Amino acid sequence: MKKYLIILLGCIILVPSFGSVFVYLFFKLEQQEIVKTICLQRKMVFNTCNGRCELQKSLKKFDDNEKKMQNSLKEKTELVYIVDALNNTFKLIEPVEIKAGFKAGFNSMPISFSADTFRPPSVFI
């Protein structure tokens, strides 16, 4: 199941890069209809355009929309750096002396403990 999900997500990620291919495929599928109805040279006897003028318009429109989307994304992706203003003070804890007759076991009580714990930075720079 994970394998199919990975393939599906990979295809979804790649779809926008094939936008101009989709425009061209749509043009080829509808080329005869475009030549008859939309083409600027449709009334000419020897029409050499065959609807390519509409294809160029569609590709230019697609490129303009893509550039507009990229510009809007650039505006939205502003990096905000958060500086942690807390002053961390570290306390030096004296080491525990180990006596010669010390036996570590599960039944013995702890000798000392540290109330302070190390916390890694929460913001990566």
Protein backbone atom coordinates (compact mmCIF):
# COMPACT_ATOMS: atom_id res chain seq x y z
CA MET A 1 0.00 0.00 0.00
CA LYS A 2 2.85 2.40 0.86
CA LYS A 3 4.46 1.64 -2.49
CA TYR A 4 1.35 2.72 -4.40
CA LEU A 5 0.96 5.82 -2.26
CA ILE A 6 4.58 6.82 -2.97
CA ILE A 7 4.07 6.33 -6.70
CA LEU A 8 0.84 8.36 -6.62
CA LEU A 9 2.42 11.23 -4.69
CA GLY A 10 5.43 11.20 -7.01
CA CYS A 11 3.14 11.49 -10.04
CA ILE A 12 1.21 14.33 -8.40
CA ILE A 13 4.47 16.18 -7.77
CA LEU A 14 5.53 15.74 -11.42
CA VAL A 15 2.20 16.82 -12.99
CA PRO A 16 2.90 20.60 -12.96
CA SER A 17 6.15 20.12 -14.87
CA PHE A 18 4.21 18.49 -17.73
CA GLY A 19 1.75 21.40 -18.10
CA SER A 20 2.87 22.40 -21.59
CA VAL A 21 2.65 18.74 -22.66
CA PHE A 22 -0.99 18.68 -21.54
CA VAL A 23 -1.69 21.88 -23.50
CA TYR A 24 -0.14 20.31 -26.62
CA LEU A 25 -2.07 17.04 -26.18
CA PHE A 26 -5.33 18.94 -25.78
CA PHE A 27 -4.49 20.90 -28.93
CA LYS A 28 -3.79 17.72 -30.92
CA LEU A 29 -7.01 16.10 -29.73
CA GLU A 30 -9.10 19.14 -30.66
CA GLN A 31 -7.05 20.38 -33.63
CA GLN A 32 -9.74 19.85 -36.29
CA GLU A 33 -12.34 21.65 -34.20
CA ILE A 34 -9.92 24.50 -33.48
CA VAL A 35 -9.10 24.88 -37.20
CA LYS A 36 -12.82 25.08 -38.06
CA THR A 37 -13.95 27.45 -35.30
CA ILE A 38 -11.19 29.39 -33.52
CA CYS A 39 -8.25 29.72 -35.94
CA LEU A 40 -7.62 33.24 -37.29
CA GLN A 41 -6.90 31.94 -40.80
CA ARG A 42 -9.90 29.59 -40.96
CA LYS A 43 -11.51 31.47 -43.88
CA MET A 44 -8.43 31.24 -46.07
CA VAL A 45 -8.50 28.67 -48.87
CA PHE A 46 -4.99 27.38 -48.29
CA ASN A 47 -4.77 27.47 -44.50
CA THR A 48 -1.20 26.68 -43.53
CA CYS A 49 -1.70 27.59 -39.87
CA ASN A 50 -3.77 24.50 -38.96
CA GLY A 51 -4.56 26.07 -35.59
CA ARG A 52 -0.94 26.56 -34.53
CA CYS A 53 -1.71 30.21 -33.78
CA GLU A 54 -4.11 29.05 -31.04
CA LEU A 55 -1.50 26.60 -29.76
CA GLN A 56 1.01 29.46 -29.44
CA LYS A 57 -1.56 31.58 -27.59
CA SER A 58 -2.37 28.72 -25.22
CA LEU A 59 1.31 28.01 -24.50
CA LYS A 60 2.02 31.70 -23.90
CA LYS A 61 -0.99 31.94 -21.57
CA PHE A 62 0.21 28.86 -19.67
CA ASP A 63 3.75 30.29 -19.32
CA ASP A 64 2.39 33.64 -18.11
CA ASN A 65 0.23 31.91 -15.50
CA GLU A 66 3.21 29.83 -14.37
CA LYS A 67 5.40 32.93 -14.01
CA LYS A 68 2.64 34.70 -12.07
CA MET A 69 2.35 31.73 -9.70
CA GLN A 70 6.13 31.65 -9.17
CA ASN A 71 6.18 35.37 -8.39
CA SER A 72 3.35 35.03 -5.88
CA LEU A 73 5.14 32.10 -4.21
CA LYS A 74 8.36 34.11 -3.95
CA GLU A 75 6.46 36.89 -2.20
CA LYS A 76 4.90 34.47 0.27
CA THR A 77 8.07 32.63 1.17
CA GLU A 78 9.73 35.11 3.44
CA LEU A 79 12.07 33.66 5.95
CA VAL A 80 11.45 34.67 9.50
CA TYR A 81 14.23 34.12 11.97
CA ILE A 82 13.23 33.81 15.58
CA VAL A 83 15.89 34.58 18.12
CA ASP A 84 15.54 32.94 21.47
CA ALA A 85 16.06 35.81 23.90
CA LEU A 86 16.19 33.66 27.00
CA ASN A 87 19.51 33.68 28.75
CA ASN A 88 20.32 30.14 29.65
CA THR A 89 22.34 29.83 32.78
CA PHE A 90 24.11 26.58 33.34
CA LYS A 91 24.92 25.44 36.84
CA LEU A 92 27.99 23.43 37.59
CA ILE A 93 27.13 20.43 39.72
CA GLU A 94 29.84 19.02 41.88
CA PRO A 95 30.84 15.47 41.03
CA VAL A 96 29.96 12.71 43.46
CA GLU A 97 32.82 11.04 45.24
CA ILE A 98 33.00 7.32 44.82
CA LYS A 99 34.13 5.61 47.96
CA ALA A 100 36.34 2.55 47.95
CA GLY A 101 33.65 0.26 49.31
CA PHE A 102 30.90 1.50 46.97
CA LYS A 103 28.56 -1.17 45.64
CA ALA A 104 26.07 -0.18 42.97
CA GLY A 105 22.88 -2.14 43.17
CA PHE A 106 19.20 -1.88 42.53
CA ASN A 107 18.34 -1.61 46.20
CA SER A 108 20.54 1.39 46.93
CA MET A 109 19.18 4.95 46.97
CA PRO A 110 20.49 7.56 44.55
CA ILE A 111 23.32 9.69 45.89
CA SER A 112 22.47 12.88 43.97
CA PHE A 113 20.41 14.04 41.04
CA SER A 114 20.41 16.88 38.55
CA ALA A 115 17.29 19.05 38.39
CA ASP A 116 18.48 20.75 35.19
CA THR A 117 18.28 18.90 31.90
CA PHE A 118 19.91 19.74 28.62
CA ARG A 119 17.44 20.93 26.01
CA PRO A 120 18.64 21.23 22.43
CA PRO A 121 17.82 24.43 20.51
CA SER A 122 14.26 24.53 19.23
CA VAL A 123 15.10 26.72 16.21
CA PHE A 124 17.51 25.66 13.49
CA ILE A 125 19.42 28.46 11.81
